[in-house]
């Protein structure tokens, strides 16, 4: 699958989705990087969210969906669709 992001709006949306995916991976015990800050800590600091990983993800999803509506697109992969 290839994704083309054009403009700052779409790259920001792509970054938000990358943070969401990273946070979900961290909830399963994985880390995307060894030395860089975790997606959990980036989301908490940039968006001012509080709580554990599950609560932060729950608070982050409406922000991501609002950004998707504002930009007019999504980068989520739908299962079963190639």
PDB file of N, CA and C in Angstrom:
ATOM      1  N   UNK A   1       0.840  -1.168   0.000  1.00  0.00           N
ATOM      2  CA  UNK A   1       0.000   0.000   0.000  1.00  0.00           C
ATOM      3  C   UNK A   1       0.885   1.232   0.000  1.00  0.00           C
ATOM      4  N   UNK A   2       0.542   2.211  -0.800  1.00  0.00           N
ATOM      5  CA  UNK A   2       1.293   3.454  -0.816  1.00  0.00           C
ATOM      6  C   UNK A   2       0.370   4.602  -0.449  1.00  0.00           C
ATOM      7  N   UNK A   3       0.943   5.599   0.202  1.00  0.00           N
ATOM      8  CA  UNK A   3       0.182   6.759   0.645  1.00  0.00           C
ATOM      9  C   UNK A   3       0.902   8.004   0.166  1.00  0.00           C
ATOM     10  N   UNK A   4       0.153   8.924  -0.413  1.00  0.00           N
ATOM     11  CA  UNK A   4       0.714  10.203  -0.819  1.00  0.00           C
ATOM     12  C   UNK A   4       0.042  11.275   0.019  1.00  0.00           C
ATOM     13  N   UNK A   5       0.837  12.008   0.772  1.00  0.00           N
ATOM     14  CA  UNK A   5       0.320  13.110   1.590  1.00  0.00           C
ATOM     15  C   UNK A   5       0.804  14.411   0.971  1.00  0.00           C
ATOM     16  N   UNK A   6      -0.132  15.299   0.685  1.00  0.00           N
ATOM     17  CA  UNK A   6       0.219  16.572   0.066  1.00  0.00           C
ATOM     18  C   UNK A   6      -0.163  17.707   1.004  1.00  0.00           C
ATOM     19  N   UNK A   7       0.736  18.646   1.204  1.00  0.00           N
ATOM     20  CA  UNK A   7       0.447  19.816   2.026  1.00  0.00           C
ATOM     21  C   UNK A   7       0.620  19.541   3.505  1.00  0.00           C
ATOM     22  N   UNK A   8       0.657  20.616   4.258  1.00  0.00           N
ATOM     23  CA  UNK A   8       0.886  20.487   5.695  1.00  0.00           C
ATOM     24  C   UNK A   8      -0.299  19.863   6.410  1.00  0.00           C
ATOM     25  N   UNK A   9      -1.512  20.063   5.919  1.00  0.00           N
ATOM     26  CA  UNK A   9      -2.681  19.470   6.564  1.00  0.00           C
ATOM     27  C   UNK A   9      -2.623  17.954   6.503  1.00  0.00           C
ATOM     28  N   UNK A  10      -2.332  17.415   5.336  1.00  0.00           N
ATOM     29  CA  UNK A  10      -2.310  15.966   5.187  1.00  0.00           C
ATOM     30  C   UNK A  10      -1.107  15.346   5.886  1.00  0.00           C
ATOM     31  N   UNK A  11       0.021  16.033   5.896  1.00  0.00           N
ATOM     32  CA  UNK A  11       1.173  15.469   6.600  1.00  0.00           C
ATOM     33  C   UNK A  11       0.931  15.480   8.101  1.00  0.00           C
ATOM     34  N   UNK A  12       0.217  16.491   8.595  1.00  0.00           N
ATOM     35  CA  UNK A  12      -0.141  16.513  10.013  1.00  0.00           C
ATOM     36  C   UNK A  12      -1.081  15.379  10.368  1.00  0.00           C
ATOM     37  N   UNK A  13      -2.032  15.110   9.481  1.00  0.00           N
ATOM     38  CA  UNK A  13      -2.964  14.006   9.691  1.00  0.00           C
ATOM     39  C   UNK A  13      -2.223  12.668   9.637  1.00  0.00           C
ATOM     40  N   UNK A  14      -1.279  12.540   8.709  1.00  0.00           N
ATOM     41  CA  UNK A  14      -0.477  11.324   8.615  1.00  0.00           C
ATOM     42  C   UNK A  14       0.320  11.116   9.902  1.00  0.00           C
ATOM     43  N   UNK A  15       0.870  12.195  10.443  1.00  0.00           N
ATOM     44  CA  UNK A  15       1.646  12.110  11.684  1.00  0.00           C
ATOM     45  C   UNK A  15       0.761  11.684  12.852  1.00  0.00           C
ATOM     46  N   UNK A  16      -0.444  12.251  12.904  1.00  0.00           N
ATOM     47  CA  UNK A  16      -1.371  11.867  13.977  1.00  0.00           C
ATOM     48  C   UNK A  16      -1.692  10.380  13.895  1.00  0.00           C
ATOM     49  N   UNK A  17      -1.890   9.869  12.685  1.00  0.00           N
ATOM     50  CA  UNK A  17      -2.174   8.442  12.525  1.00  0.00           C
ATOM     51  C   UNK A  17      -0.971   7.597  12.894  1.00  0.00           C
ATOM     52  N   UNK A  18       0.230   8.064  12.579  1.00  0.00           N
ATOM     53  CA  UNK A  18       1.435   7.339  12.977  1.00  0.00           C
ATOM     54  C   UNK A  18       1.550   7.285  14.496  1.00  0.00           C
ATOM     55  N   UNK A  19       1.208   8.379  15.166  1.00  0.00           N
ATOM     56  CA  UNK A  19       1.223   8.394  16.632  1.00  0.00           C
ATOM     57  C   UNK A  19       0.181   7.436  17.197  1.00  0.00           C
ATOM     58  N   UNK A  20      -0.995   7.386  16.561  1.00  0.00           N
ATOM     59  CA  UNK A  20      -2.050   6.460  17.009  1.00  0.00           C
ATOM     60  C   UNK A  20      -1.585   5.018  16.869  1.00  0.00           C
ATOM     61  N   UNK A  21      -1.001   4.692  15.736  1.00  0.00           N
ATOM     62  CA  UNK A  21      -0.515   3.330  15.508  1.00  0.00           C
ATOM     63  C   UNK A  21       0.582   2.988  16.508  1.00  0.00           C
ATOM     64  N   UNK A  22       1.475   3.936  16.754  1.00  0.00           N
ATOM     65  CA  UNK A  22       2.546   3.715  17.717  1.00  0.00           C
ATOM     66  C   UNK A  22       2.022   3.496  19.117  1.00  0.00           C
ATOM     67  N   UNK A  23       1.012   4.277  19.501  1.00  0.00           N
ATOM     68  CA  UNK A  23       0.423   4.113  20.833  1.00  0.00           C
ATOM     69  C   UNK A  23      -0.249   2.754  20.959  1.00  0.00           C
ATOM     70  N   UNK A  24      -0.940   2.321  19.913  1.00  0.00           N
ATOM     71  CA  UNK A  24      -1.566   0.999  19.955  1.00  0.00           C
ATOM     72  C   UNK A  24      -0.507  -0.102  20.058  1.00  0.00           C
ATOM     73  N   UNK A  25       0.615   0.068  19.381  1.00  0.00           N
ATOM     74  CA  UNK A  25       1.707  -0.903  19.483  1.00  0.00           C
ATOM     75  C   UNK A  25       2.284  -0.912  20.898  1.00  0.00           C
ATOM     76  N   UNK A  26       2.429   0.281  21.481  1.00  0.00           N
ATOM     77  CA  UNK A  26       2.950   0.367  22.843  1.00  0.00           C
ATOM     78  C   UNK A  26       1.995  -0.285  23.840  1.00  0.00           C
ATOM     79  N   UNK A  27       0.713  -0.218  23.574  1.00  0.00           N
ATOM     80  CA  UNK A  27      -0.257  -0.874  24.446  1.00  0.00           C
ATOM     81  C   UNK A  27      -0.112  -2.392  24.387  1.00  0.00           C
ATOM     82  N   UNK A  28       0.441  -2.892  23.275  1.00  0.00           N
ATOM     83  CA  UNK A  28       0.676  -4.332  23.117  1.00  0.00           C
ATOM     84  C   UNK A  28       2.084  -4.737  23.517  1.00  0.00           C
ATOM     85  N   UNK A  29       2.845  -3.807  24.080  1.00  0.00           N
ATOM     86  CA  UNK A  29       4.168  -4.131  24.580  1.00  0.00           C
ATOM     87  C   UNK A  29       5.311  -3.874  23.606  1.00  0.00           C
ATOM     88  N   UNK A  30       5.049  -3.213  22.498  1.00  0.00           N
ATOM     89  CA  UNK A  30       6.086  -2.927  21.516  1.00  0.00           C
ATOM     90  C   UNK A  30       6.466  -1.449  21.568  1.00  0.00           C
ATOM     91  N   UNK A  31       7.673  -1.142  21.095  1.00  0.00           N
ATOM     92  CA  UNK A  31       8.104   0.243  20.963  1.00  0.00           C
ATOM     93  C   UNK A  31       8.590   0.469  19.551  1.00  0.00           C
ATOM     94  N   UNK A  32       8.254   1.613  18.976  1.00  0.00           N
ATOM     95  CA  UNK A  32       8.664   1.887  17.599  1.00  0.00           C
ATOM     96  C   UNK A  32      10.130   2.275  17.517  1.00  0.00           C
ATOM     97  N   UNK A  33      10.634   2.947  18.548  1.00  0.00           N
ATOM     98  CA  UNK A  33      12.035   3.363  18.547  1.00  0.00           C
ATOM     99  C   UNK A  33      12.678   3.007  19.877  1.00  0.00           C
ATOM    100  N   UNK A  34      13.995   2.985  19.873  1.00  0.00           N
ATOM    101  CA  UNK A  34      14.706   2.617  21.089  1.00  0.00           C
ATOM    102  C   UNK A  34      15.003   3.840  21.969  1.00  0.00           C
ATOM    103  N   UNK A  35      15.463   4.927  21.339  1.00  0.00           N
ATOM    104  CA  UNK A  35      15.917   6.075  22.110  1.00  0.00           C
ATOM    105  C   UNK A  35      14.978   7.272  22.073  1.00  0.00           C
ATOM    106  N   UNK A  36      14.156   7.377  21.062  1.00  0.00           N
ATOM    107  CA  UNK A  36      13.248   8.521  20.937  1.00  0.00           C
ATOM    108  C   UNK A  36      12.126   8.411  21.962  1.00  0.00           C
ATOM    109  N   UNK A  37      11.454   9.525  22.251  1.00  0.00           N
ATOM    110  CA  UNK A  37      10.322   9.464  23.179  1.00  0.00           C
ATOM    111  C   UNK A  37       9.217   8.541  22.653  1.00  0.00           C
ATOM    112  N   UNK A  38       8.464   7.970  23.564  1.00  0.00           N
ATOM    113  CA  UNK A  38       7.375   7.081  23.169  1.00  0.00           C
ATOM    114  C   UNK A  38       6.241   7.892  22.546  1.00  0.00           C
ATOM    115  N   UNK A  39       5.430   7.233  21.751  1.00  0.00           N
ATOM    116  CA  UNK A  39       4.261   7.892  21.170  1.00  0.00           C
ATOM    117  C   UNK A  39       3.320   8.357  22.270  1.00  0.00           C
ATOM    118  N   UNK A  40       3.227   7.576  23.319  1.00  0.00           N
ATOM    119  CA  UNK A  40       2.402   7.927  24.481  1.00  0.00           C
ATOM    120  C   UNK A  40       2.835   9.262  25.067  1.00  0.00           C
ATOM    121  N   UNK A  41       4.137   9.450  25.269  1.00  0.00           N
ATOM    122  CA  UNK A  41       4.608  10.706  25.862  1.00  0.00           C
ATOM    123  C   UNK A  41       4.469  11.870  24.885  1.00  0.00           C
ATOM    124  N   UNK A  42       4.645  11.634  23.587  1.00  0.00           N
ATOM    125  CA  UNK A  42       4.479  12.692  22.596  1.00  0.00           C
ATOM    126  C   UNK A  42       3.034  13.158  22.562  1.00  0.00           C
ATOM    127  N   UNK A  43       2.097  12.216  22.524  1.00  0.00           N
ATOM    128  CA  UNK A  43       0.674  12.570  22.487  1.00  0.00           C
ATOM    129  C   UNK A  43       0.279  13.329  23.752  1.00  0.00           C
ATOM    130  N   UNK A  44       0.732  12.850  24.899  1.00  0.00           N
ATOM    131  CA  UNK A  44       0.394  13.521  26.154  1.00  0.00           C
ATOM    132  C   UNK A  44       0.911  14.954  26.184  1.00  0.00           C
ATOM    133  N   UNK A  45       2.143  15.162  25.753  1.00  0.00           N
ATOM    134  CA  UNK A  45       2.720  16.504  25.835  1.00  0.00           C
ATOM    135  C   UNK A  45       2.155  17.448  24.774  1.00  0.00           C
ATOM    136  N   UNK A  46       1.949  16.969  23.548  1.00  0.00           N
ATOM    137  CA  UNK A  46       1.481  17.842  22.476  1.00  0.00           C
ATOM    138  C   UNK A  46      -0.006  18.170  22.569  1.00  0.00           C
ATOM    139  N   UNK A  47      -0.804  17.247  23.061  1.00  0.00           N
ATOM    140  CA  UNK A  47      -2.245  17.453  23.083  1.00  0.00           C
ATOM    141  C   UNK A  47      -2.794  17.667  24.489  1.00  0.00           C
ATOM    142  N   UNK A  48      -1.930  17.629  25.494  1.00  0.00           N
ATOM    143  CA  UNK A  48      -2.346  17.907  26.867  1.00  0.00           C
ATOM    144  C   UNK A  48      -3.286  16.873  27.458  1.00  0.00           C
ATOM    145  N   UNK A  49      -3.143  15.626  27.058  1.00  0.00           N
ATOM    146  CA  UNK A  49      -4.018  14.569  27.553  1.00  0.00           C
ATOM    147  C   UNK A  49      -3.417  13.951  28.804  1.00  0.00           C
ATOM    148  N   UNK A  50      -4.281  13.394  29.633  1.00  0.00           N
ATOM    149  CA  UNK A  50      -3.834  12.786  30.880  1.00  0.00           C
ATOM    150  C   UNK A  50      -4.441  11.396  31.013  1.00  0.00           C
ATOM    151  N   UNK A  51      -3.749  10.531  31.736  1.00  0.00           N
ATOM    152  CA  UNK A  51      -4.254   9.194  31.990  1.00  0.00           C
ATOM    153  C   UNK A  51      -3.291   8.124  31.518  1.00  0.00           C
ATOM    154  N   UNK A  52      -3.747   6.880  31.628  1.00  0.00           N
ATOM    155  CA  UNK A  52      -2.921   5.768  31.161  1.00  0.00           C
ATOM    156  C   UNK A  52      -3.042   5.656  29.639  1.00  0.00           C
ATOM    157  N   UNK A  53      -2.370   4.677  29.053  1.00  0.00           N
ATOM    158  CA  UNK A  53      -2.324   4.569  27.597  1.00  0.00           C
ATOM    159  C   UNK A  53      -3.708   4.379  26.979  1.00  0.00           C
ATOM    160  N   UNK A  54      -4.524   3.550  27.605  1.00  0.00           N
ATOM    161  CA  UNK A  54      -5.862   3.304  27.062  1.00  0.00           C
ATOM    162  C   UNK A  54      -6.724   4.565  27.125  1.00  0.00           C
ATOM    163  N   UNK A  55      -6.643   5.296  28.229  1.00  0.00           N
ATOM    164  CA  UNK A  55      -7.428   6.523  28.358  1.00  0.00           C
ATOM    165  C   UNK A  55      -6.939   7.602  27.405  1.00  0.00           C
ATOM    166  N   UNK A  56      -5.622   7.686  27.222  1.00  0.00           N
ATOM    167  CA  UNK A  56      -5.070   8.671  26.286  1.00  0.00           C
ATOM    168  C   UNK A  56      -5.519   8.339  24.865  1.00  0.00           C
ATOM    169  N   UNK A  57      -5.505   7.066  24.480  1.00  0.00           N
ATOM    170  CA  UNK A  57      -5.979   6.670  23.154  1.00  0.00           C
ATOM    171  C   UNK A  57      -7.450   7.023  22.989  1.00  0.00           C
ATOM    172  N   UNK A  58      -8.242   6.774  24.022  1.00  0.00           N
ATOM    173  CA  UNK A  58      -9.670   7.080  23.979  1.00  0.00           C
ATOM    174  C   UNK A  58      -9.899   8.588  23.820  1.00  0.00           C
ATOM    175  N   UNK A  59      -9.077   9.414  24.437  1.00  0.00           N
ATOM    176  CA  UNK A  59      -9.192  10.868  24.319  1.00  0.00           C
ATOM    177  C   UNK A  59      -8.625  11.368  22.991  1.00  0.00           C
ATOM    178  N   UNK A  60      -7.635  10.651  22.439  1.00  0.00           N
ATOM    179  CA  UNK A  60      -6.965  11.077  21.212  1.00  0.00           C
ATOM    180  C   UNK A  60      -7.808  10.796  19.968  1.00  0.00           C
ATOM    181  N   UNK A  61      -8.600   9.739  19.981  1.00  0.00           N
ATOM    182  CA  UNK A  61      -9.371   9.359  18.797  1.00  0.00           C
ATOM    183  C   UNK A  61     -10.340  10.460  18.334  1.00  0.00           C
ATOM    184  N   UNK A  62     -11.095  11.139  19.219  1.00  0.00           N
ATOM    185  CA  UNK A  62     -11.947  12.226  18.732  1.00  0.00           C
ATOM    186  C   UNK A  62     -11.147  13.379  18.112  1.00  0.00           C
ATOM    187  N   UNK A  63      -9.949  13.642  18.626  1.00  0.00           N
ATOM    188  CA  UNK A  63      -9.098  14.674  18.035  1.00  0.00           C
ATOM    189  C   UNK A  63      -8.675  14.273  16.626  1.00  0.00           C
ATOM    190  N   UNK A  64      -8.317  13.010  16.461  1.00  0.00           N
ATOM    191  CA  UNK A  64      -7.922  12.499  15.156  1.00  0.00           C
ATOM    192  C   UNK A  64      -9.095  12.537  14.177  1.00  0.00           C
ATOM    193  N   UNK A  65     -10.266  12.132  14.629  1.00  0.00           N
ATOM    194  CA  UNK A  65     -11.447  12.145  13.764  1.00  0.00           C
ATOM    195  C   UNK A  65     -11.841  13.557  13.368  1.00  0.00           C
ATOM    196  N   UNK A  66     -11.709  14.512  14.284  1.00  0.00           N
ATOM    197  CA  UNK A  66     -12.004  15.910  13.963  1.00  0.00           C
ATOM    198  C   UNK A  66     -11.025  16.443  12.917  1.00  0.00           C
ATOM    199  N   UNK A  67      -9.762  16.058  13.037  1.00  0.00           N
ATOM    200  CA  UNK A  67      -8.759  16.472  12.050  1.00  0.00           C
ATOM    201  C   UNK A  67      -9.046  15.840  10.694  1.00  0.00           C
ATOM    202  N   UNK A  68      -9.493  14.592  10.691  1.00  0.00           N
ATOM    203  CA  UNK A  68      -9.854  13.931   9.435  1.00  0.00           C
ATOM    204  C   UNK A  68     -11.011  14.655   8.758  1.00  0.00           C
ATOM    205  N   UNK A  69     -12.016  15.073   9.531  1.00  0.00           N
ATOM    206  CA  UNK A  69     -13.143  15.811   8.963  1.00  0.00           C
ATOM    207  C   UNK A  69     -12.688  17.168   8.434  1.00  0.00           C
ATOM    208  N   UNK A  70     -11.785  17.822   9.154  1.00  0.00           N
ATOM    209  CA  UNK A  70     -11.316  19.140   8.755  1.00  0.00           C
ATOM    210  C   UNK A  70     -10.510  19.062   7.453  1.00  0.00           C
ATOM    211  N   UNK A  71      -9.631  18.072   7.360  1.00  0.00           N
ATOM    212  CA  UNK A  71      -8.780  17.922   6.188  1.00  0.00           C
ATOM    213  C   UNK A  71      -9.551  17.284   5.036  1.00  0.00           C
ATOM    214  N   UNK A  72     -10.492  16.420   5.360  1.00  0.00           N
ATOM    215  CA  UNK A  72     -11.283  15.768   4.325  1.00  0.00           C
ATOM    216  C   UNK A  72     -10.661  14.492   3.806  1.00  0.00           C
ATOM    217  N   UNK A  73     -10.018  13.737   4.675  1.00  0.00           N
ATOM    218  CA  UNK A  73      -9.409  12.478   4.247  1.00  0.00           C
ATOM    219  C   UNK A  73      -9.056  11.632   5.443  1.00  0.00           C
ATOM    220  N   UNK A  74      -8.608  10.422   5.157  1.00  0.00           N
ATOM    221  CA  UNK A  74      -8.185   9.521   6.212  1.00  0.00           C
ATOM    222  C   UNK A  74      -7.021   8.685   5.703  1.00  0.00           C
ATOM    223  N   UNK A  75      -6.188   8.235   6.607  1.00  0.00           N
ATOM    224  CA  UNK A  75      -5.081   7.361   6.250  1.00  0.00           C
ATOM    225  C   UNK A  75      -5.234   6.022   6.930  1.00  0.00           C
ATOM    226  N   UNK A  76      -6.388   5.736   7.474  1.00  0.00           N
ATOM    227  CA  UNK A  76      -6.579   4.468   8.141  1.00  0.00           C
ATOM    228  C   UNK A  76      -6.732   3.347   7.137  1.00  0.00           C
ATOM    229  N   UNK A  77      -6.199   2.208   7.471  1.00  0.00           N
ATOM    230  CA  UNK A  77      -6.328   1.028   6.630  1.00  0.00           C
ATOM    231  C   UNK A  77      -7.564   0.271   7.078  1.00  0.00           C
ATOM    232  N   UNK A  78      -8.435  -0.011   6.123  1.00  0.00           N
ATOM    233  CA  UNK A  78      -9.661  -0.739   6.419  1.00  0.00           C
ATOM    234  C   UNK A  78      -9.381  -2.221   6.170  1.00  0.00           C
ATOM    235  N   UNK A  79      -9.657  -3.048   7.159  1.00  0.00           N
ATOM    236  CA  UNK A  79      -9.358  -4.482   7.036  1.00  0.00           C
ATOM    237  C   UNK A  79     -10.181  -5.088   5.912  1.00  0.00           C
ATOM    238  N   UNK A  80      -9.536  -5.930   5.141  1.00  0.00           N
ATOM    239  CA  UNK A  80     -10.209  -6.614   4.055  1.00  0.00           C
ATOM    240  C   UNK A  80     -10.166  -5.855   2.742  1.00  0.00           C
ATOM    241  N   UNK A  81      -9.676  -4.618   2.750  1.00  0.00           N
ATOM    242  CA  UNK A  81      -9.585  -3.821   1.536  1.00  0.00           C
ATOM    243  C   UNK A  81      -8.135  -3.667   1.162  1.00  0.00           C
ATOM    244  N   UNK A  82      -7.795  -3.913  -0.074  1.00  0.00           N
ATOM    245  CA  UNK A  82      -6.403  -3.795  -0.527  1.00  0.00           C
ATOM    246  C   UNK A  82      -6.201  -2.518  -1.285  1.00  0.00           C
TER     247      UNK A  82
END
